[in-house]
Amino acid sequence: MSDVYTIETDLGNITVTKMAIGKIVTKAVGKWKGKVLITNHKGKLTNIMTRLTGNDVSNYMDIDFEEEGLDLKLYAAVKFGTSIGTVTNSLIEDIHDGIKKTIGIEPLSVSVVGTGTISRNIARRNIEVRKTYDI
């Protein structure tokens, strides 16, 4: 479990950092236009500067680089009235496709943990949806 993943090609090595994966995840979450917010594992929302700049979002998710590929676990809260099942399945597919298209490797697994529902307050939840891919 390191902070970088190196892919060896005929032309040289490609190094992928956790921040690059964080950008792919931020793009997938951005498609929901504020209905989904990234949280930490306890359900605490990211601070305003992180949301505006998109920096250091990788600190709010678990990314494990292994020899065979990578495992990703995203923690997110959804706004009240948004289907948790639809959000989690869509995010998993978007993140998987983004990683495969951008980096060229297929993730071993992608999981989204629903940490809460946001209305006036955050109603805590702990719902994990995981999809494992055979390589």
Protein backbone atom coordinates (compact mmCIF):
# COMPACT_ATOMS: atom_id res chain seq x y z
CA MET A 1 0.00 0.00 0.00
CA SER A 2 1.92 2.96 -1.28
CA ASP A 3 0.93 6.45 -2.32
CA VAL A 4 1.83 5.91 -5.97
CA TYR A 5 1.13 3.25 -8.57
CA THR A 6 3.69 2.68 -11.30
CA ILE A 7 2.83 1.20 -14.68
CA GLU A 8 5.70 -0.05 -16.81
CA THR A 9 5.34 0.40 -20.57
CA ASP A 10 7.62 -0.03 -23.57
CA LEU A 11 8.31 3.71 -23.58
CA GLY A 12 8.96 4.06 -19.83
CA ASN A 13 7.18 4.21 -16.50
CA ILE A 14 3.90 5.95 -15.73
CA THR A 15 3.38 7.00 -12.14
CA VAL A 16 -0.15 7.56 -10.84
CA THR A 17 -0.69 9.38 -7.54
CA LYS A 18 -3.64 9.35 -5.18
CA MET A 19 -4.36 12.96 -6.13
CA ALA A 20 -4.90 11.89 -9.76
CA ILE A 21 -7.43 9.31 -8.61
CA GLY A 22 -9.03 12.01 -6.44
CA LYS A 23 -9.53 14.21 -9.51
CA ILE A 24 -11.31 11.37 -11.33
CA VAL A 25 -13.58 10.82 -8.32
CA THR A 26 -14.29 14.56 -8.02
CA LYS A 27 -15.35 14.65 -11.66
CA ALA A 28 -17.72 11.71 -11.12
CA VAL A 29 -19.23 13.33 -8.00
CA GLY A 30 -19.53 16.67 -9.84
CA LYS A 31 -21.99 15.13 -12.29
CA TRP A 32 -24.53 15.08 -9.45
CA LYS A 33 -24.48 18.90 -9.20
CA GLY A 34 -24.40 19.23 -5.42
CA LYS A 35 -26.72 16.33 -4.60
CA VAL A 36 -23.73 14.25 -3.51
CA LEU A 37 -20.97 15.54 -1.21
CA ILE A 38 -17.70 13.82 -0.34
CA THR A 39 -17.21 13.14 3.37
CA ASN A 40 -14.64 11.43 5.53
CA HIS A 41 -15.26 7.99 7.02
CA LYS A 42 -17.09 9.55 9.98
CA GLY A 43 -19.50 11.48 7.74
CA LYS A 44 -17.91 14.92 8.21
CA LEU A 45 -18.18 17.03 5.06
CA THR A 46 -15.08 18.29 3.29
CA ASN A 47 -14.24 21.91 4.00
CA ILE A 48 -15.26 24.68 1.60
CA MET A 49 -11.75 25.26 0.19
CA THR A 50 -11.39 21.59 -0.70
CA ARG A 51 -14.74 21.64 -2.49
CA LEU A 52 -13.94 24.84 -4.41
CA THR A 53 -10.42 23.93 -5.49
CA GLY A 54 -10.75 20.14 -5.69
CA ASN A 55 -7.41 19.72 -3.92
CA ASP A 56 -6.64 16.95 -1.44
CA VAL A 57 -9.95 15.15 -1.96
CA SER A 58 -7.91 11.94 -1.95
CA ASN A 59 -7.48 12.39 1.81
CA TYR A 60 -11.22 11.74 2.20
CA MET A 61 -11.18 8.31 0.54
CA ASP A 62 -9.32 5.04 0.92
CA ILE A 63 -7.13 4.27 -2.08
CA ASP A 64 -5.00 1.13 -1.93
CA PHE A 65 -2.51 0.55 -4.73
CA GLU A 66 -1.58 -3.11 -5.06
CA GLU A 67 0.44 -5.13 -7.58
CA GLU A 68 -2.68 -6.25 -9.43
CA GLY A 69 -4.42 -2.86 -9.46
CA LEU A 70 -6.18 -0.56 -7.05
CA ASP A 71 -9.00 -0.66 -4.53
CA LEU A 72 -11.00 2.50 -3.94
CA LYS A 73 -13.49 3.35 -1.21
CA LEU A 74 -15.36 6.67 -1.41
CA TYR A 75 -17.33 8.15 1.48
CA ALA A 76 -20.25 10.37 0.46
CA ALA A 77 -23.45 11.92 1.79
CA VAL A 78 -26.52 12.49 -0.38
CA LYS A 79 -29.13 15.22 -0.20
CA PHE A 80 -32.58 14.24 1.04
CA GLY A 81 -34.78 12.94 -1.76
CA THR A 82 -31.91 11.53 -3.82
CA SER A 83 -31.90 7.77 -4.33
CA ILE A 84 -28.93 6.25 -2.52
CA GLY A 85 -28.99 3.17 -4.76
CA THR A 86 -28.98 5.21 -7.95
CA VAL A 87 -26.19 7.46 -6.68
CA THR A 88 -23.93 4.65 -5.51
CA ASN A 89 -24.32 2.54 -8.64
CA SER A 90 -23.80 5.54 -10.91
CA LEU A 91 -20.72 6.71 -8.99
CA ILE A 92 -19.20 3.22 -9.03
CA GLU A 93 -19.62 2.93 -12.81
CA ASP A 94 -18.40 6.50 -13.49
CA ILE A 95 -15.33 6.06 -11.27
CA HIS A 96 -14.52 2.66 -12.79
CA ASP A 97 -14.87 3.98 -16.33
CA GLY A 98 -12.87 7.13 -15.51
CA ILE A 99 -9.98 5.18 -14.02
CA LYS A 100 -9.97 2.68 -16.86
CA LYS A 101 -10.11 5.41 -19.52
CA THR A 102 -7.62 7.82 -17.92
CA ILE A 103 -5.05 5.48 -16.43
CA GLY A 104 -5.56 2.38 -18.51
CA ILE A 105 -5.92 -0.07 -15.63
CA GLU A 106 -9.08 -1.71 -14.39
CA PRO A 107 -9.68 -1.22 -10.65
CA LEU A 108 -9.97 -4.38 -8.56
CA SER A 109 -12.89 -2.94 -6.62
CA VAL A 110 -14.77 0.32 -6.22
CA SER A 111 -17.05 0.92 -3.25
CA VAL A 112 -19.15 3.86 -2.16
CA VAL A 113 -20.15 4.24 1.48
CA GLY A 114 -23.24 6.33 2.09
CA THR A 115 -22.34 8.13 5.31
CA GLY A 116 -25.51 10.16 5.64
CA THR A 117 -28.51 11.95 4.26
CA ILE A 118 -28.42 15.75 4.27
CA SER A 119 -31.52 17.78 5.01
CA ARG A 120 -31.34 20.43 7.73
CA ASN A 121 -29.04 18.10 9.64
CA ILE A 122 -27.05 15.09 8.56
CA ALA A 123 -28.84 11.83 9.35
CA ARG A 124 -26.02 9.34 9.83
CA ARG A 125 -26.02 6.22 7.71
CA ASN A 126 -23.46 3.55 6.97
CA ILE A 127 -24.46 1.91 3.69
CA GLU A 128 -21.68 0.38 1.62
CA VAL A 129 -22.14 -0.64 -2.00
CA ARG A 130 -19.16 -2.47 -3.46
CA LYS A 131 -18.44 -3.77 -6.92
CA THR A 132 -15.52 -6.13 -7.47
CA TYR A 133 -14.10 -6.59 -10.95
CA ASP A 134 -12.47 -9.73 -12.30
CA ILE A 135 -9.31 -9.00 -14.20
